[in-house]
Structure formats: C-alpha cells, structure tokens
C-alpha cells in the first residue's frame, strides 16, 4: 500500500538527510536542475525546506508520483 510506503520513505529521508545541512534538489526548483538547497537553520534545526524535500522525496520514492510531474517553486508568467 502506498501510504505505508510513504511513511517508510519519510523515515528513510530522515536517516539519509537528517544530519546534513543541504540537499541537491530532487526535482527542478524554479526550472533549475540540481540546485543545492539549505535544509537546516543557522541554529541547526530542520527548516521549512527540510520538510518540503522530505515530502517530495517520499511521494516520489513511494511510487505515488513520478518525478517527471513534480516541480517546486514554479513561477508562471503573468
């Protein structure tokens, strides 16, 4: 079931990135590939970016969505 797999992927993300300060983006950020993203605050606490990438990692690796259909911080022209 995808929901159980999603939870397992969140745990895997925490194991893999919980002690790191940055991550190379898993999907395009504002159309930019392989962007380095800071996932910890100056006080070494997990920030909003950490949880965004935890979610993106989990939905991709659980099989819920293909990374081809995901982008973050997408700016659309007016």
PDB file of N, CA and C in Angstrom:
ATOM      1  N   UNK A   1       0.840  -1.181   0.000  1.00  0.00           N
ATOM      2  CA  UNK A   1       0.000   0.000   0.000  1.00  0.00           C
ATOM      3  C   UNK A   1       0.887   1.247   0.000  1.00  0.00           C
ATOM      4  N   UNK A   2       0.554   2.238  -0.807  1.00  0.00           N
ATOM      5  CA  UNK A   2       1.374   3.434  -0.982  1.00  0.00           C
ATOM      6  C   UNK A   2       1.519   4.238   0.313  1.00  0.00           C
ATOM      7  N   UNK A   3       0.474   4.282   1.139  1.00  0.00           N
ATOM      8  CA  UNK A   3       0.537   5.074   2.371  1.00  0.00           C
ATOM      9  C   UNK A   3       1.617   4.536   3.298  1.00  0.00           C
ATOM     10  N   UNK A   4       1.682   3.228   3.495  1.00  0.00           N
ATOM     11  CA  UNK A   4       2.728   2.646   4.334  1.00  0.00           C
ATOM     12  C   UNK A   4       4.093   2.920   3.736  1.00  0.00           C
ATOM     13  N   UNK A   5       4.204   2.782   2.434  1.00  0.00           N
ATOM     14  CA  UNK A   5       5.465   3.023   1.748  1.00  0.00           C
ATOM     15  C   UNK A   5       5.872   4.491   1.914  1.00  0.00           C
ATOM     16  N   UNK A   6       4.899   5.416   1.857  1.00  0.00           N
ATOM     17  CA  UNK A   6       5.170   6.836   2.050  1.00  0.00           C
ATOM     18  C   UNK A   6       5.810   7.071   3.414  1.00  0.00           C
ATOM     19  N   UNK A   7       5.251   6.484   4.454  1.00  0.00           N
ATOM     20  CA  UNK A   7       5.803   6.620   5.802  1.00  0.00           C
ATOM     21  C   UNK A   7       7.206   6.056   5.907  1.00  0.00           C
ATOM     22  N   UNK A   8       7.438   4.937   5.262  1.00  0.00           N
ATOM     23  CA  UNK A   8       8.772   4.336   5.252  1.00  0.00           C
ATOM     24  C   UNK A   8       9.766   5.254   4.546  1.00  0.00           C
ATOM     25  N   UNK A   9       9.320   5.889   3.478  1.00  0.00           N
ATOM     26  CA  UNK A   9      10.194   6.801   2.734  1.00  0.00           C
ATOM     27  C   UNK A   9      10.536   8.036   3.559  1.00  0.00           C
ATOM     28  N   UNK A  10       9.583   8.535   4.362  1.00  0.00           N
ATOM     29  CA  UNK A  10       9.877   9.667   5.246  1.00  0.00           C
ATOM     30  C   UNK A  10      10.969   9.292   6.237  1.00  0.00           C
ATOM     31  N   UNK A  11      10.876   8.102   6.785  1.00  0.00           N
ATOM     32  CA  UNK A  11      11.891   7.622   7.730  1.00  0.00           C
ATOM     33  C   UNK A  11      13.242   7.485   7.030  1.00  0.00           C
ATOM     34  N   UNK A  12      13.237   6.955   5.823  1.00  0.00           N
ATOM     35  CA  UNK A  12      14.474   6.803   5.058  1.00  0.00           C
ATOM     36  C   UNK A  12      15.102   8.165   4.773  1.00  0.00           C
ATOM     37  N   UNK A  13      14.283   9.157   4.421  1.00  0.00           N
ATOM     38  CA  UNK A  13      14.793  10.510   4.196  1.00  0.00           C
ATOM     39  C   UNK A  13      15.469  11.032   5.458  1.00  0.00           C
ATOM     40  N   UNK A  14      14.818  10.854   6.604  1.00  0.00           N
ATOM     41  CA  UNK A  14      15.391  11.322   7.871  1.00  0.00           C
ATOM     42  C   UNK A  14      16.732  10.658   8.149  1.00  0.00           C
ATOM     43  N   UNK A  15      16.839   9.366   7.857  1.00  0.00           N
ATOM     44  CA  UNK A  15      18.107   8.658   8.066  1.00  0.00           C
ATOM     45  C   UNK A  15      19.188   9.179   7.130  1.00  0.00           C
ATOM     46  N   UNK A  16      18.803   9.432   5.891  1.00  0.00           N
ATOM     47  CA  UNK A  16      19.771   9.832   4.868  1.00  0.00           C
ATOM     48  C   UNK A  16      20.174  11.307   4.964  1.00  0.00           C
ATOM     49  N   UNK A  17      19.233  12.180   5.309  1.00  0.00           N
ATOM     50  CA  UNK A  17      19.490  13.621   5.271  1.00  0.00           C
ATOM     51  C   UNK A  17      19.355  14.320   6.619  1.00  0.00           C
ATOM     52  N   UNK A  18      18.973  13.623   7.663  1.00  0.00           N
ATOM     53  CA  UNK A  18      18.732  14.242   8.958  1.00  0.00           C
ATOM     54  C   UNK A  18      19.916  14.972   9.551  1.00  0.00           C
ATOM     55  N   UNK A  19      21.121  14.553   9.221  1.00  0.00           N
ATOM     56  CA  UNK A  19      22.324  15.193   9.765  1.00  0.00           C
ATOM     57  C   UNK A  19      23.021  16.108   8.766  1.00  0.00           C
ATOM     58  N   UNK A  20      22.408  16.304   7.614  1.00  0.00           N
ATOM     59  CA  UNK A  20      23.025  17.153   6.584  1.00  0.00           C
ATOM     60  C   UNK A  20      22.426  18.549   6.621  1.00  0.00           C
ATOM     61  N   UNK A  21      23.185  19.507   6.130  1.00  0.00           N
ATOM     62  CA  UNK A  21      22.730  20.895   6.097  1.00  0.00           C
ATOM     63  C   UNK A  21      22.103  21.278   4.768  1.00  0.00           C
ATOM     64  N   UNK A  22      22.391  20.505   3.729  1.00  0.00           N
ATOM     65  CA  UNK A  22      21.845  20.830   2.417  1.00  0.00           C
ATOM     66  C   UNK A  22      21.549  19.550   1.644  1.00  0.00           C
ATOM     67  N   UNK A  23      20.800  19.731   0.565  1.00  0.00           N
ATOM     68  CA  UNK A  23      20.420  18.624  -0.303  1.00  0.00           C
ATOM     69  C   UNK A  23      20.454  19.135  -1.742  1.00  0.00           C
ATOM     70  N   UNK A  24      20.826  18.273  -2.655  1.00  0.00           N
ATOM     71  CA  UNK A  24      20.699  18.605  -4.070  1.00  0.00           C
ATOM     72  C   UNK A  24      19.254  18.306  -4.453  1.00  0.00           C
ATOM     73  N   UNK A  25      18.580  19.295  -5.011  1.00  0.00           N
ATOM     74  CA  UNK A  25      17.157  19.181  -5.318  1.00  0.00           C
ATOM     75  C   UNK A  25      16.857  17.929  -6.132  1.00  0.00           C
ATOM     76  N   UNK A  26      15.799  17.244  -5.751  1.00  0.00           N
ATOM     77  CA  UNK A  26      15.384  16.001  -6.395  1.00  0.00           C
ATOM     78  C   UNK A  26      14.576  16.259  -7.657  1.00  0.00           C
ATOM     79  N   UNK A  27      13.995  17.436  -7.751  1.00  0.00           N
ATOM     80  CA  UNK A  27      13.205  17.861  -8.908  1.00  0.00           C
ATOM     81  C   UNK A  27      13.593  19.312  -9.198  1.00  0.00           C
ATOM     82  N   UNK A  28      13.232  19.832 -10.359  1.00  0.00           N
ATOM     83  CA  UNK A  28      13.586  21.226 -10.668  1.00  0.00           C
ATOM     84  C   UNK A  28      13.023  22.222  -9.655  1.00  0.00           C
ATOM     85  N   UNK A  29      13.846  23.206  -9.327  1.00  0.00           N
ATOM     86  CA  UNK A  29      13.443  24.307  -8.455  1.00  0.00           C
ATOM     87  C   UNK A  29      13.440  25.550  -9.326  1.00  0.00           C
ATOM     88  N   UNK A  30      12.252  26.087  -9.545  1.00  0.00           N
ATOM     89  CA  UNK A  30      12.118  27.264 -10.404  1.00  0.00           C
ATOM     90  C   UNK A  30      12.794  27.016 -11.759  1.00  0.00           C
ATOM     91  N   UNK A  31      12.585  25.818 -12.271  1.00  0.00           N
ATOM     92  CA  UNK A  31      13.100  25.340 -13.567  1.00  0.00           C
ATOM     93  C   UNK A  31      14.601  25.075 -13.570  1.00  0.00           C
ATOM     94  N   UNK A  32      15.260  25.153 -12.434  1.00  0.00           N
ATOM     95  CA  UNK A  32      16.703  24.898 -12.332  1.00  0.00           C
ATOM     96  C   UNK A  32      16.937  23.475 -11.833  1.00  0.00           C
ATOM     97  N   UNK A  33      17.768  22.717 -12.555  1.00  0.00           N
ATOM     98  CA  UNK A  33      18.108  21.346 -12.178  1.00  0.00           C
ATOM     99  C   UNK A  33      19.258  21.341 -11.173  1.00  0.00           C
ATOM    100  N   UNK A  34      19.287  20.356 -10.296  1.00  0.00           N
ATOM    101  CA  UNK A  34      20.413  20.098  -9.378  1.00  0.00           C
ATOM    102  C   UNK A  34      20.781  21.283  -8.487  1.00  0.00           C
ATOM    103  N   UNK A  35      19.793  22.025  -8.061  1.00  0.00           N
ATOM    104  CA  UNK A  35      20.044  23.163  -7.183  1.00  0.00           C
ATOM    105  C   UNK A  35      20.348  22.679  -5.770  1.00  0.00           C
ATOM    106  N   UNK A  36      21.312  23.303  -5.127  1.00  0.00           N
ATOM    107  CA  UNK A  36      21.625  22.992  -3.737  1.00  0.00           C
ATOM    108  C   UNK A  36      20.664  23.773  -2.844  1.00  0.00           C
ATOM    109  N   UNK A  37      20.007  23.075  -1.916  1.00  0.00           N
ATOM    110  CA  UNK A  37      19.011  23.690  -1.041  1.00  0.00           C
ATOM    111  C   UNK A  37      19.404  23.490   0.417  1.00  0.00           C
ATOM    112  N   UNK A  38      19.368  24.562   1.185  1.00  0.00           N
ATOM    113  CA  UNK A  38      19.685  24.525   2.612  1.00  0.00           C
ATOM    114  C   UNK A  38      18.476  23.959   3.360  1.00  0.00           C
ATOM    115  N   UNK A  39      18.685  22.901   4.148  1.00  0.00           N
ATOM    116  CA  UNK A  39      17.580  22.248   4.856  1.00  0.00           C
ATOM    117  C   UNK A  39      17.676  22.369   6.377  1.00  0.00           C
ATOM    118  N   UNK A  40      18.625  23.174   6.847  1.00  0.00           N
ATOM    119  CA  UNK A  40      18.764  23.413   8.295  1.00  0.00           C
ATOM    120  C   UNK A  40      18.902  24.916   8.530  1.00  0.00           C
ATOM    121  N   UNK A  41      18.388  25.366   9.663  1.00  0.00           N
ATOM    122  CA  UNK A  41      18.525  26.771  10.040  1.00  0.00           C
ATOM    123  C   UNK A  41      19.938  27.022  10.577  1.00  0.00           C
ATOM    124  N   UNK A  42      20.239  28.275  10.854  1.00  0.00           N
ATOM    125  CA  UNK A  42      21.547  28.613  11.420  1.00  0.00           C
ATOM    126  C   UNK A  42      21.759  27.962  12.778  1.00  0.00           C
ATOM    127  N   UNK A  43      20.661  27.686  13.473  1.00  0.00           N
ATOM    128  CA  UNK A  43      20.762  27.017  14.778  1.00  0.00           C
ATOM    129  C   UNK A  43      20.709  25.501  14.626  1.00  0.00           C
ATOM    130  N   UNK A  44      20.894  25.018  13.401  1.00  0.00           N
ATOM    131  CA  UNK A  44      20.968  23.590  13.061  1.00  0.00           C
ATOM    132  C   UNK A  44      19.646  22.844  13.281  1.00  0.00           C
ATOM    133  N   UNK A  45      18.546  23.552  13.175  1.00  0.00           N
ATOM    134  CA  UNK A  45      17.233  22.917  13.270  1.00  0.00           C
ATOM    135  C   UNK A  45      16.663  22.737  11.872  1.00  0.00           C
ATOM    136  N   UNK A  46      15.851  21.709  11.701  1.00  0.00           N
ATOM    137  CA  UNK A  46      15.212  21.454  10.414  1.00  0.00           C
ATOM    138  C   UNK A  46      14.290  22.625  10.075  1.00  0.00           C
ATOM    139  N   UNK A  47      14.432  23.112   8.846  1.00  0.00           N
ATOM    140  CA  UNK A  47      13.613  24.249   8.442  1.00  0.00           C
ATOM    141  C   UNK A  47      12.513  23.817   7.465  1.00  0.00           C
ATOM    142  N   UNK A  48      11.795  24.778   6.951  1.00  0.00           N
ATOM    143  CA  UNK A  48      10.690  24.520   6.024  1.00  0.00           C
ATOM    144  C   UNK A  48      11.161  23.730   4.800  1.00  0.00           C
ATOM    145  N   UNK A  49      12.345  24.042   4.322  1.00  0.00           N
ATOM    146  CA  UNK A  49      12.904  23.339   3.165  1.00  0.00           C
ATOM    147  C   UNK A  49      13.103  21.848   3.455  1.00  0.00           C
ATOM    148  N   UNK A  50      13.520  21.540   4.669  1.00  0.00           N
ATOM    149  CA  UNK A  50      13.719  20.138   5.054  1.00  0.00           C
ATOM    150  C   UNK A  50      12.426  19.354   4.851  1.00  0.00           C
ATOM    151  N   UNK A  51      11.341  19.898   5.372  1.00  0.00           N
ATOM    152  CA  UNK A  51      10.064  19.186   5.304  1.00  0.00           C
ATOM    153  C   UNK A  51       9.500  19.152   3.885  1.00  0.00           C
ATOM    154  N   UNK A  52       9.792  20.182   3.106  1.00  0.00           N
ATOM    155  CA  UNK A  52       9.377  20.162   1.700  1.00  0.00           C
ATOM    156  C   UNK A  52      10.080  19.020   0.976  1.00  0.00           C
ATOM    157  N   UNK A  53      11.390  18.909   1.165  1.00  0.00           N
ATOM    158  CA  UNK A  53      12.142  17.855   0.461  1.00  0.00           C
ATOM    159  C   UNK A  53      11.841  16.476   1.025  1.00  0.00           C
ATOM    160  N   UNK A  54      11.521  16.392   2.299  1.00  0.00           N
ATOM    161  CA  UNK A  54      11.098  15.112   2.878  1.00  0.00           C
ATOM    162  C   UNK A  54       9.813  14.650   2.186  1.00  0.00           C
ATOM    163  N   UNK A  55       8.880  15.570   1.993  1.00  0.00           N
ATOM    164  CA  UNK A  55       7.615  15.246   1.333  1.00  0.00           C
ATOM    165  C   UNK A  55       7.844  14.856  -0.134  1.00  0.00           C
ATOM    166  N   UNK A  56       8.620  15.662  -0.855  1.00  0.00           N
ATOM    167  CA  UNK A  56       8.885  15.373  -2.269  1.00  0.00           C
ATOM    168  C   UNK A  56       9.586  14.025  -2.409  1.00  0.00           C
ATOM    169  N   UNK A  57      10.596  13.779  -1.598  1.00  0.00           N
ATOM    170  CA  UNK A  57      11.319  12.505  -1.603  1.00  0.00           C
ATOM    171  C   UNK A  57      10.354  11.344  -1.387  1.00  0.00           C
ATOM    172  N   UNK A  58       9.442  11.516  -0.421  1.00  0.00           N
ATOM    173  CA  UNK A  58       8.529  10.439  -0.057  1.00  0.00           C
ATOM    174  C   UNK A  58       7.487  10.153  -1.131  1.00  0.00           C
ATOM    175  N   UNK A  59       6.942  11.194  -1.750  1.00  0.00           N
ATOM    176  CA  UNK A  59       5.928  10.927  -2.783  1.00  0.00           C
ATOM    177  C   UNK A  59       6.552  10.316  -4.030  1.00  0.00           C
ATOM    178  N   UNK A  60       7.812  10.650  -4.302  1.00  0.00           N
ATOM    179  CA  UNK A  60       8.490  10.061  -5.464  1.00  0.00           C
ATOM    180  C   UNK A  60       8.891   8.617  -5.164  1.00  0.00           C
ATOM    181  N   UNK A  61       9.571   8.403  -4.045  1.00  0.00           N
ATOM    182  CA  UNK A  61      10.107   7.078  -3.737  1.00  0.00           C
ATOM    183  C   UNK A  61       9.061   6.064  -3.287  1.00  0.00           C
ATOM    184  N   UNK A  62       7.885   6.551  -2.895  1.00  0.00           N
ATOM    185  CA  UNK A  62       6.804   5.623  -2.541  1.00  0.00           C
ATOM    186  C   UNK A  62       6.056   5.152  -3.784  1.00  0.00           C
ATOM    187  N   UNK A  63       6.330   5.788  -4.915  1.00  0.00           N
ATOM    188  CA  UNK A  63       5.645   5.427  -6.142  1.00  0.00           C
ATOM    189  C   UNK A  63       4.322   6.154  -6.341  1.00  0.00           C
ATOM    190  N   UNK A  64       4.033   7.123  -5.472  1.00  0.00           N
ATOM    191  CA  UNK A  64       2.773   7.854  -5.593  1.00  0.00           C
ATOM    192  C   UNK A  64       2.781   8.770  -6.818  1.00  0.00           C
ATOM    193  N   UNK A  65       3.938   9.377  -7.114  1.00  0.00           N
ATOM    194  CA  UNK A  65       4.071  10.275  -8.259  1.00  0.00           C
ATOM    195  C   UNK A  65       5.431  10.078  -8.906  1.00  0.00           C
ATOM    196  N   UNK A  66       5.478  10.302 -10.192  1.00  0.00           N
ATOM    197  CA  UNK A  66       6.738  10.282 -10.922  1.00  0.00           C
ATOM    198  C   UNK A  66       7.402  11.650 -10.771  1.00  0.00           C
ATOM    199  N   UNK A  67       8.713  11.674 -10.650  1.00  0.00           N
ATOM    200  CA  UNK A  67       9.418  12.953 -10.529  1.00  0.00           C
ATOM    201  C   UNK A  67       9.238  13.814 -11.780  1.00  0.00           C
ATOM    202  N   UNK A  68       8.855  13.206 -12.895  1.00  0.00           N
ATOM    203  CA  UNK A  68       8.618  13.954 -14.133  1.00  0.00           C
ATOM    204  C   UNK A  68       7.451  14.928 -13.997  1.00  0.00           C
ATOM    205  N   UNK A  69       6.566  14.690 -13.040  1.00  0.00           N
ATOM    206  CA  UNK A  69       5.373  15.511 -12.874  1.00  0.00           C
ATOM    207  C   UNK A  69       5.462  16.476 -11.705  1.00  0.00           C
ATOM    208  N   UNK A  70       6.649  16.595 -11.102  1.00  0.00           N
ATOM    209  CA  UNK A  70       6.791  17.426  -9.906  1.00  0.00           C
ATOM    210  C   UNK A  70       7.848  18.496 -10.129  1.00  0.00           C
ATOM    211  N   UNK A  71       7.551  19.675  -9.700  1.00  0.00           N
ATOM    212  CA  UNK A  71       8.483  20.796  -9.665  1.00  0.00           C
ATOM    213  C   UNK A  71       8.147  21.622  -8.433  1.00  0.00           C
ATOM    214  N   UNK A  72       9.095  22.335  -7.912  1.00  0.00           N
ATOM    215  CA  UNK A  72       8.834  23.169  -6.744  1.00  0.00           C
ATOM    216  C   UNK A  72       9.227  24.603  -7.051  1.00  0.00           C
ATOM    217  N   UNK A  73       8.602  25.531  -6.356  1.00  0.00           N
ATOM    218  CA  UNK A  73       8.851  26.957  -6.552  1.00  0.00           C
ATOM    219  C   UNK A  73       8.719  27.323  -8.029  1.00  0.00           C
ATOM    220  N   UNK A  74       7.673  26.836  -8.643  1.00  0.00           N
ATOM    221  CA  UNK A  74       7.444  27.080 -10.063  1.00  0.00           C
ATOM    222  C   UNK A  74       6.830  28.465 -10.231  1.00  0.00           C
ATOM    223  N   UNK A  75       7.476  29.289 -11.048  1.00  0.00           N
ATOM    224  CA  UNK A  75       6.966  30.627 -11.346  1.00  0.00           C
ATOM    225  C   UNK A  75       6.310  30.602 -12.730  1.00  0.00           C
ATOM    226  N   UNK A  76       5.078  31.015 -12.766  1.00  0.00           N
ATOM    227  CA  UNK A  76       4.353  31.070 -14.030  1.00  0.00           C
ATOM    228  C   UNK A  76       4.248  32.527 -14.465  1.00  0.00           C
ATOM    229  N   UNK A  77       4.429  32.787 -15.752  1.00  0.00           N
ATOM    230  CA  UNK A  77       4.338  34.183 -16.220  1.00  0.00           C
ATOM    231  C   UNK A  77       2.929  34.734 -16.040  1.00  0.00           C
ATOM    232  N   UNK A  78       2.840  36.029 -15.815  1.00  0.00           N
ATOM    233  CA  UNK A  78       1.535  36.693 -15.648  1.00  0.00           C
ATOM    234  C   UNK A  78       0.805  36.778 -16.966  1.00  0.00           C
TER     235      UNK A  78
END
